[in-house]
Protein backbone atom coordinates (compact mmCIF):
# COMPACT_ATOMS: atom_id res chain seq x y z
CA MET A 1 35.79 105.92 -16.19
CA LEU A 2 34.30 104.49 -12.96
CA ASN A 3 31.06 106.12 -11.81
CA ARG A 4 30.38 106.86 -8.18
CA ARG A 5 28.44 103.55 -7.59
CA ASP A 6 31.15 101.54 -9.04
CA VAL A 7 33.76 103.16 -6.84
CA LEU A 8 31.72 102.78 -3.69
CA ARG A 9 31.20 99.12 -4.45
CA LEU A 10 34.95 98.74 -4.59
CA ILE A 11 35.32 99.26 -0.77
CA PRO A 12 34.14 96.69 1.81
CA ALA A 13 33.32 97.82 5.24
CA SER A 14 36.66 96.48 6.61
CA SER A 15 38.48 98.97 4.32
CA LEU A 16 36.66 102.13 5.02
CA ALA A 17 39.23 103.09 7.71
CA TRP A 18 41.84 102.83 5.04
CA LEU A 19 39.90 105.02 2.68
CA GLU A 20 39.37 107.68 5.46
CA VAL A 21 43.16 107.86 5.80
CA ALA A 22 43.81 108.15 2.18
CA GLY A 23 41.09 110.81 1.75
CA ALA A 24 42.60 112.79 4.60
CA ALA A 25 45.95 112.95 2.68
CA GLN A 26 44.32 114.66 -0.36
CA ALA A 27 45.36 118.26 -0.14
CA ALA A 28 43.59 119.58 -3.18
CA PRO A 29 40.83 118.54 -5.63
CA ALA A 30 41.82 116.43 -8.53
CA PRO A 31 41.54 118.05 -12.00
CA CYS A 32 38.63 115.66 -12.97
CA SER A 33 35.10 116.89 -12.07
CA ASP A 34 33.81 113.59 -10.61
CA ALA A 35 33.90 113.86 -6.82
CA VAL A 36 35.16 110.23 -6.40
CA PRO A 37 38.17 109.09 -4.33
CA LEU A 38 41.39 109.04 -6.19
CA LEU A 39 42.59 106.03 -4.11
CA ALA A 40 39.69 103.72 -4.50
CA GLY A 41 40.82 100.60 -2.43
CA PRO A 42 43.51 98.94 -0.36
CA PRO A 43 46.79 97.78 -1.99
CA VAL A 44 47.23 94.19 -3.13
CA VAL A 45 50.79 92.63 -2.86
CA GLN A 46 51.88 89.91 -5.35
CA HIS A 47 54.94 88.04 -6.29
CA LEU A 48 56.77 88.75 -3.09
CA THR A 49 60.37 87.48 -3.22
CA THR A 50 63.75 88.48 -1.81
CA GLU A 51 64.21 90.54 -5.12
CA GLY A 52 61.00 92.62 -4.98
CA PHE A 53 57.18 92.52 -5.27
CA ALA A 54 54.25 94.06 -7.17
CA VAL A 55 51.53 96.27 -5.83
CA SER A 56 48.08 96.75 -7.39
CA PHE A 57 45.63 99.44 -6.28
CA ALA A 58 42.41 100.80 -7.60
CA VAL A 59 42.07 104.44 -8.66
CA GLY A 60 38.81 106.37 -9.25
CA GLN A 61 39.94 108.82 -11.87
CA LEU A 62 42.65 108.81 -14.59
CA ALA A 63 45.92 108.88 -12.69
CA THR A 64 49.50 107.83 -12.64
CA GLY A 65 50.73 106.15 -9.47
CA TRP A 66 53.88 105.01 -7.66
CA ILE A 67 55.22 103.10 -4.54
CA GLU A 68 57.19 104.90 -1.96
CA TRP A 69 59.13 102.40 0.17
CA GLY A 70 62.06 102.00 2.59
CA LEU A 71 63.42 100.01 5.41
CA SER A 72 61.67 102.07 8.10
CA ALA A 73 58.23 103.57 8.36
CA GLU A 74 59.77 106.95 8.86
CA ARG A 75 62.00 106.94 5.82
CA LEU A 76 60.27 105.80 2.54
CA ASP A 77 63.18 107.10 0.55
CA GLN A 78 62.70 104.86 -2.56
CA ARG A 79 60.20 105.20 -5.40
CA ALA A 80 58.99 102.72 -7.88
CA VAL A 81 56.99 103.88 -10.97
CA ALA A 82 55.37 101.65 -13.56
CA SER A 83 56.16 102.55 -17.13
CA ARG A 84 56.18 100.94 -20.51
CA ALA A 85 58.02 101.74 -23.58
CA GLY A 86 59.00 105.20 -22.13
CA LEU A 87 55.51 106.15 -21.00
CA VAL A 88 54.43 106.16 -17.41
CA GLU A 89 51.38 104.06 -16.86
CA THR A 90 48.05 105.65 -16.37
CA SER A 91 44.64 104.28 -15.63
CA ASP A 92 41.21 105.23 -14.48
CA ARG A 93 40.62 101.90 -12.99
CA ALA A 94 43.78 100.29 -11.45
CA LEU A 95 47.56 100.56 -11.49
CA VAL A 96 50.09 97.76 -11.12
CA VAL A 97 53.54 98.82 -9.96
CA PRO A 98 56.52 96.47 -9.67
CA VAL A 99 58.99 97.15 -7.01
CA SER A 100 62.66 96.03 -7.27
CA LEU A 101 64.44 95.83 -3.95
CA GLY A 102 67.98 95.70 -5.35
CA ASP A 103 70.54 95.44 -2.49
CA ARG A 104 67.97 96.48 -0.03
CA GLY A 105 66.24 93.00 -0.23
CA GLY A 106 67.02 90.10 1.88
CA ALA A 107 65.11 87.16 3.53
CA GLY A 108 63.42 88.23 6.71
CA ARG A 109 63.85 91.89 6.27
CA GLN A 110 60.93 94.15 6.99
CA VAL A 111 60.00 96.64 4.19
CA PHE A 112 57.60 99.56 4.60
CA TYR A 113 55.63 101.07 1.64
CA ARG A 114 52.69 103.21 0.69
CA VAL A 115 50.82 103.73 -2.54
CA VAL A 116 50.56 107.21 -4.13
CA ALA A 117 48.36 108.38 -6.95
CA GLN A 118 48.15 111.66 -8.92
CA ALA A 119 45.21 112.53 -11.01
CA LEU A 120 45.87 113.47 -14.69
CA SER A 121 43.79 115.20 -17.31
CA TYR A 122 44.77 116.06 -20.93
CA GLN A 123 43.70 119.21 -22.71
CA ASN A 124 45.99 118.67 -25.64
CA ALA A 125 49.38 117.12 -26.23
CA TYR A 126 51.39 119.81 -24.54
CA LYS A 127 48.86 120.82 -21.91
CA LEU A 128 48.30 118.31 -19.08
CA ARG A 129 46.90 119.10 -15.74
CA ARG A 130 47.84 117.28 -12.47
CA GLY A 131 46.18 117.06 -9.08
CA GLU A 132 47.89 116.89 -5.85
CA PRO A 133 49.35 113.51 -5.01
CA VAL A 134 47.32 111.41 -2.76
CA ALA A 135 49.01 108.84 -0.52
CA GLY A 136 47.71 105.81 1.26
CA PRO A 137 48.69 104.66 4.75
CA THR A 138 52.10 103.15 5.37
CA GLN A 139 52.01 99.29 5.27
CA SER A 140 54.69 96.77 6.13
CA LEU A 141 55.87 93.44 4.57
CA VAL A 142 58.25 90.80 5.68
CA ILE A 143 60.45 89.51 2.85
CA PRO A 144 60.00 85.66 2.73
CA ASP A 145 62.82 83.46 3.69
CA PRO A 146 63.02 80.43 1.37
CA THR A 147 64.94 78.50 4.12
CA ALA A 148 62.43 79.34 6.94
CA SER A 149 61.70 76.38 9.21
CA ARG A 150 57.97 76.92 9.21
CA VAL A 151 55.27 78.60 7.07
CA ARG A 152 51.45 78.98 7.01
CA VAL A 153 49.28 79.45 3.90
CA ALA A 154 45.63 80.24 3.82
CA VAL A 155 43.33 79.43 0.81
CA VAL A 156 40.00 80.96 -0.12
CA ASN A 157 37.94 80.03 -3.13
CA ASP A 158 34.64 80.46 -4.81
CA THR A 159 33.86 83.91 -3.15
CA HIS A 160 31.78 84.94 -6.12
CA GLU A 161 31.38 88.55 -4.75
CA HIS A 162 29.54 87.34 -1.76
CA GLY A 163 30.03 90.32 0.57
CA PRO A 164 29.21 88.74 3.94
CA THR A 165 31.48 85.72 3.14
CA ILE A 166 34.42 87.98 2.01
CA GLU A 167 34.09 90.05 5.20
CA ALA A 168 34.05 86.99 7.38
CA LEU A 169 37.04 85.44 5.45
CA GLY A 170 38.97 88.60 5.96
CA ALA A 171 38.52 88.46 9.66
CA ARG A 172 39.56 84.75 9.75
CA ILE A 173 42.60 85.54 7.61
CA GLU A 174 43.78 88.24 10.01
CA ALA A 175 43.24 85.75 12.96
CA VAL A 176 45.28 82.96 11.18
CA HIS A 177 47.96 85.40 10.01
CA PRO A 178 49.26 83.42 7.10
CA ASP A 179 52.42 84.19 5.33
CA VAL A 180 50.78 83.68 1.81
CA LEU A 181 47.18 83.95 0.73
CA VAL A 182 45.89 81.99 -2.25
CA TRP A 183 42.73 83.09 -4.03
CA ASN A 184 41.86 79.86 -5.66
CA GLY A 185 39.36 80.91 -8.29
CA ASP A 186 35.88 82.16 -9.07
CA THR A 187 36.27 85.60 -7.69
CA CYS A 188 33.49 87.18 -9.69
CA GLY A 189 29.77 86.55 -9.51
CA SER A 190 29.41 85.14 -13.06
CA ALA A 191 31.72 86.87 -15.43
CA PHE A 192 33.80 89.96 -16.00
CA ASP A 193 31.50 91.73 -18.35
CA ALA A 194 32.42 95.41 -17.73
CA PRO A 195 35.80 97.09 -17.23
CA ALA A 196 34.66 98.43 -13.77
CA ASP A 197 34.08 94.73 -12.71
CA LEU A 198 37.84 93.97 -12.50
CA PRO A 199 38.96 96.36 -9.81
CA ARG A 200 35.64 96.12 -7.97
CA VAL A 201 36.09 92.32 -7.64
CA LEU A 202 39.84 91.65 -7.69
CA LEU A 203 41.09 94.68 -5.55
CA LYS A 204 38.08 94.95 -3.11
CA PRO A 205 39.18 92.81 -0.32
CA GLY A 206 41.68 94.37 2.10
CA TRP A 207 43.41 91.03 2.94
CA ALA A 208 46.61 91.21 0.83
CA ALA A 209 48.22 94.60 1.81
CA THR A 210 50.66 93.00 4.34
CA ARG A 211 51.11 89.60 2.82
CA CYS A 212 51.56 88.07 -0.67
CA LEU A 213 48.46 87.01 -2.67
CA MET A 214 48.80 84.18 -5.19
CA PHE A 215 45.90 84.41 -7.68
CA VAL A 216 44.40 81.38 -9.53
CA PRO A 217 41.67 82.03 -11.88
CA GLY A 218 38.49 79.91 -11.89
CA ASN A 219 36.13 79.15 -14.81
CA HIS A 220 33.95 82.10 -14.09
CA ASP A 221 37.03 84.48 -13.99
CA VAL A 222 37.79 83.58 -17.64
CA ARG A 223 34.25 84.53 -18.81
CA GLY A 224 33.00 87.90 -20.12
CA ALA A 225 34.15 90.53 -22.45
CA CYS A 226 36.83 91.82 -19.99
CA ALA A 227 38.24 88.62 -18.78
CA ARG A 228 41.33 89.20 -20.85
CA GLU A 229 42.12 92.22 -18.94
CA ILE A 230 42.77 90.70 -15.54
CA SER A 231 46.43 91.83 -15.91
CA THR A 232 45.31 95.53 -15.72
CA CYS A 233 44.46 94.70 -11.97
CA LEU A 234 46.76 91.83 -11.01
CA ALA A 235 50.44 91.39 -12.05
CA ASP A 236 51.18 88.57 -14.45
CA GLY A 237 53.55 85.72 -13.40
CA PRO A 238 57.21 85.66 -14.66
CA ASP A 239 56.10 84.23 -18.07
CA ALA A 240 53.40 86.57 -19.61
CA SER A 241 52.39 83.78 -22.01
CA LEU A 242 51.45 81.73 -18.84
CA PRO A 243 50.45 84.48 -16.57
CA TYR A 244 48.92 82.42 -13.83
CA ASN A 245 51.66 79.90 -13.47
CA VAL A 246 53.85 80.58 -10.58
CA ALA A 247 56.38 78.33 -8.69
CA ARG A 248 57.79 79.65 -5.49
CA ARG A 249 59.66 78.28 -2.58
CA CYS A 250 58.31 79.35 0.79
CA GLY A 251 60.19 77.60 3.59
CA PRO A 252 59.53 73.91 3.58
CA LEU A 253 56.84 74.42 0.98
CA ALA A 254 56.96 74.69 -2.90
CA LEU A 255 53.79 76.40 -4.02
CA LEU A 256 52.73 75.92 -7.67
CA THR A 257 49.61 77.42 -9.45
CA LEU A 258 47.91 76.03 -12.38
CA ASP A 259 45.03 77.42 -14.53
CA THR A 260 42.35 74.84 -15.18
CA GLY A 261 40.50 77.25 -17.53
CA GLU A 262 36.91 76.40 -18.54
CA ASP A 263 34.76 73.51 -17.45
CA LYS A 264 33.65 72.47 -20.99
CA PRO A 265 35.54 71.32 -24.08
CA ASP A 266 36.90 73.99 -26.37
CA ALA A 267 34.50 72.88 -29.05
CA HIS A 268 31.49 73.60 -27.06
CA PRO A 269 29.03 75.99 -29.01
CA VAL A 270 28.60 78.28 -26.07
CA PHE A 271 32.30 79.61 -26.60
CA ALA A 272 31.64 80.50 -30.28
CA GLY A 273 35.23 79.53 -31.22
CA THR A 274 36.86 81.68 -28.44
CA ALA A 275 38.24 78.88 -26.24
CA ALA A 276 41.72 77.34 -26.60
CA TYR A 277 42.32 75.75 -23.23
CA GLU A 278 43.23 72.36 -24.42
CA PRO A 279 46.56 73.43 -25.94
CA TYR A 280 47.04 75.89 -23.11
CA ARG A 281 46.77 73.08 -20.64
CA MET A 282 49.46 71.12 -22.55
CA GLN A 283 51.70 74.31 -22.52
CA GLN A 284 51.22 74.35 -18.74
CA ALA A 285 52.20 70.77 -18.54
CA ALA A 286 55.60 71.52 -20.02
CA TRP A 287 56.06 74.38 -17.65
CA LEU A 288 54.95 72.18 -14.67
CA ARG A 289 57.58 69.44 -15.59
CA GLU A 290 60.37 72.19 -15.80
CA ALA A 291 59.19 73.86 -12.60
CA LEU A 292 59.21 70.68 -10.63
CA ARG A 293 62.72 70.05 -11.66
CA ARG A 294 64.07 73.41 -10.44
CA ALA A 295 66.46 72.88 -7.60
CA ASN A 296 64.60 75.08 -5.17
CA ILE A 297 61.35 73.44 -6.01
CA ALA A 298 62.57 69.71 -6.14
CA SER A 299 64.29 70.06 -2.80
CA ALA A 300 61.19 71.32 -0.94
CA PRO A 301 59.95 68.77 1.67
CA PHE A 302 56.46 69.34 0.44
CA LYS A 303 55.07 70.44 -2.97
CA ILE A 304 51.53 71.77 -3.20
CA VAL A 305 49.62 72.45 -6.46
CA PHE A 306 46.67 74.92 -6.40
CA CYS A 307 44.09 74.84 -9.22
CA HIS A 308 40.46 75.84 -9.38
CA ILE A 309 38.72 72.77 -10.90
CA PRO A 310 39.65 69.52 -9.07
CA LEU A 311 41.92 66.94 -10.84
CA ARG A 312 40.13 64.07 -9.22
CA GLY A 313 36.41 63.37 -9.31
CA LEU A 314 33.92 61.14 -7.38
CA PRO A 315 32.39 58.19 -9.16
CA LYS A 316 30.21 59.02 -12.11
CA GLN A 317 31.00 62.73 -11.84
CA ASN A 318 31.35 64.64 -15.19
CA ASP A 319 34.99 65.05 -16.27
CA GLY A 320 34.27 67.84 -18.74
CA LEU A 321 35.41 65.92 -21.78
CA SER A 322 32.04 65.72 -23.52
CA LEU A 323 29.66 68.41 -24.63
CA GLU A 324 27.06 67.34 -22.11
CA GLY A 325 26.89 69.26 -18.87
CA TYR A 326 30.04 70.80 -17.27
CA ALA A 327 33.07 69.43 -15.48
CA PHE A 328 32.86 68.47 -11.84
CA TRP A 329 36.50 67.64 -12.23
CA SER A 330 38.97 68.39 -15.16
CA GLY A 331 39.66 65.23 -17.04
CA ASP A 332 41.80 67.21 -19.62
CA ALA A 333 43.81 68.92 -16.94
CA ALA A 334 44.31 65.56 -15.06
CA ARG A 335 45.52 63.95 -18.21
CA ALA A 336 47.90 66.66 -18.96
CA TRP A 337 49.34 67.23 -15.44
CA MET A 338 48.82 64.23 -13.21
CA PRO A 339 51.81 62.16 -14.76
CA ALA A 340 54.14 64.96 -13.69
CA LEU A 341 52.62 65.29 -10.20
CA ARG A 342 52.94 61.64 -9.58
CA GLU A 343 56.56 61.41 -10.92
CA ALA A 344 57.50 64.39 -8.57
CA ARG A 345 55.67 62.80 -5.72
CA VAL A 346 53.49 65.89 -5.11
CA PRO A 347 51.43 65.05 -2.04
CA LEU A 348 48.63 67.63 -2.15
CA VAL A 349 46.33 69.33 -4.67
CA VAL A 350 44.10 72.11 -3.43
CA SER A 351 40.98 73.00 -5.54
CA GLY A 352 37.49 74.53 -5.28
CA HIS A 353 34.73 74.75 -7.94
CA MET A 354 32.27 72.33 -6.32
CA HIS A 355 30.91 74.70 -3.59
CA ALA A 356 31.14 71.92 -1.10
CA TRP A 357 34.34 70.92 0.85
CA ARG A 358 35.76 67.47 0.82
CA VAL A 359 39.01 65.60 1.24
CA ASP A 360 40.12 62.91 -1.29
CA ASP A 361 42.79 60.93 0.44
CA PRO A 362 45.67 59.56 -1.68
CA ALA A 363 44.81 56.55 -3.79
CA GLU A 364 46.50 54.56 -6.52
CA GLY A 365 49.51 56.85 -6.49
CA LEU A 366 47.30 59.97 -6.89
CA PRO A 367 48.03 62.90 -4.46
CA MET A 368 45.57 63.90 -1.76
CA GLN A 369 43.13 66.46 -2.90
CA VAL A 370 41.41 69.01 -0.72
CA VAL A 371 38.29 70.80 -2.13
CA GLY A 372 37.18 74.22 -0.54
CA GLY A 373 33.56 75.18 0.08
CA GLY A 374 31.15 77.61 -1.52
CA PRO A 375 30.17 81.34 -1.49
CA GLU A 376 27.44 81.33 1.09
CA PRO A 377 28.52 81.70 4.64
CA PRO A 378 27.22 78.13 5.71
CA LYS A 379 29.35 76.66 2.87
CA ALA A 380 32.43 78.99 3.02
CA THR A 381 35.80 77.62 4.10
CA LEU A 382 39.20 78.69 4.93
CA ILE A 383 41.92 76.06 4.13
CA VAL A 384 44.94 76.47 6.34
CA LEU A 385 48.20 74.74 5.48
CA GLU A 386 50.98 74.67 8.10
CA ALA A 387 54.37 73.00 7.40
CA ASP A 388 57.68 72.36 8.96
CA ALA A 389 60.51 70.21 7.77
CA GLN A 390 58.74 67.07 9.15
CA ALA A 391 55.06 67.42 8.39
CA LEU A 392 52.31 69.34 6.43
CA ARG A 393 49.14 69.94 8.41
CA VAL A 394 45.93 70.60 6.52
CA ALA A 395 42.85 71.98 8.14
CA ILE A 396 39.55 73.01 6.68
CA GLN A 397 37.85 75.71 8.72
CA ASP A 398 34.44 77.19 8.71
CA LEU A 399 33.78 80.92 9.08
CA SER A 400 33.84 80.68 12.89
CA GLY A 401 37.26 78.90 12.80
CA ALA A 402 35.84 75.50 13.73
CA VAL A 403 37.84 72.79 12.07
CA LEU A 404 35.73 70.67 9.66
CA ALA A 405 38.60 68.29 8.61
CA GLU A 406 42.12 67.67 9.33
CA ARG A 407 45.09 65.76 7.71
CA ARG A 408 48.68 65.30 8.53
CA ILE A 409 51.09 64.53 5.74
CA PRO A 410 54.51 63.32 6.99
CA ARG A 411 57.63 63.97 5.03
CA SER A 412 58.34 61.01 2.84
């Protein structure tokens, strides 16, 4: 169970107002003795489509939880509860609740929701104690329109738990007001070593309560004893065997996420036989070819791939194929995926990993590659993608909003 220090670390300064609202809604003490907030962080929205979405939120005690939602802020008359094999889900760290909109969905429609948690304790199989439900503030979402004429996407990467950078990026994201936010890997400082690390890192920023988050793991995010438990905080994609592979149409853009995995070969001794990324990348290659052939993806004016480790390197940079050093770019992922990207005429790959921003212009049939910056404020960047039917505009901004580089990709 989370201790007081872990829970307090969950909440950035920008989210304190949210916590105050949630705390005011708590009518009675929870059955657990620890005086920690039951709702321990802002909600995170994922996989937002015309059919539904998922919401994750951190909890500070063992609890069940649900989403109350509706088509007006005053009437949250629908409820979504996460359950599995007949048991309502419980956790003392985080809950992930899928919401099906049914016939209430529809492109462009505004949906209102709030998260609710209820503490739970067991005395024996037939004697369970419940606290009073605690509700967060009402949030609003706009259901995306696959046929929208314009769309804006923001991308952050390599935040590495750097508090000042995360706060500044949060402010920039609110100023840019993107439709979609992509967190492009290396969220944790070094590795996910303890269960409390996951909600503290993944559910800490308050930047995805009113927009959809697309999560792409980095090489640090797949390290540590608890790296296999990311799905306890963030919802898997449609195929649980490929949890980080998502292809979605968003107006003139098709957005596809790929997992580059580790930055060394599977046979490297540091993994002690626990790495299987090479066959995993080949499995993703088959998924990528199929996704790029889907009618809604193939017809998009622009297709963008997001992956943490770059697929192109500079001269003499390490490609990660040997046991020496680590990858500056993923030679194995490039070998597996680049043929499909070239065949589908994908114009842009967005990556991170290098802690230094750069733009690799198209060359020899390879797509343009934009690489984001690093975790310290002087190196941090926000990548902003804006598209209409005629052009895709790419801008790399620093934390003040100053534009460091720009490109315009016309529709081919």
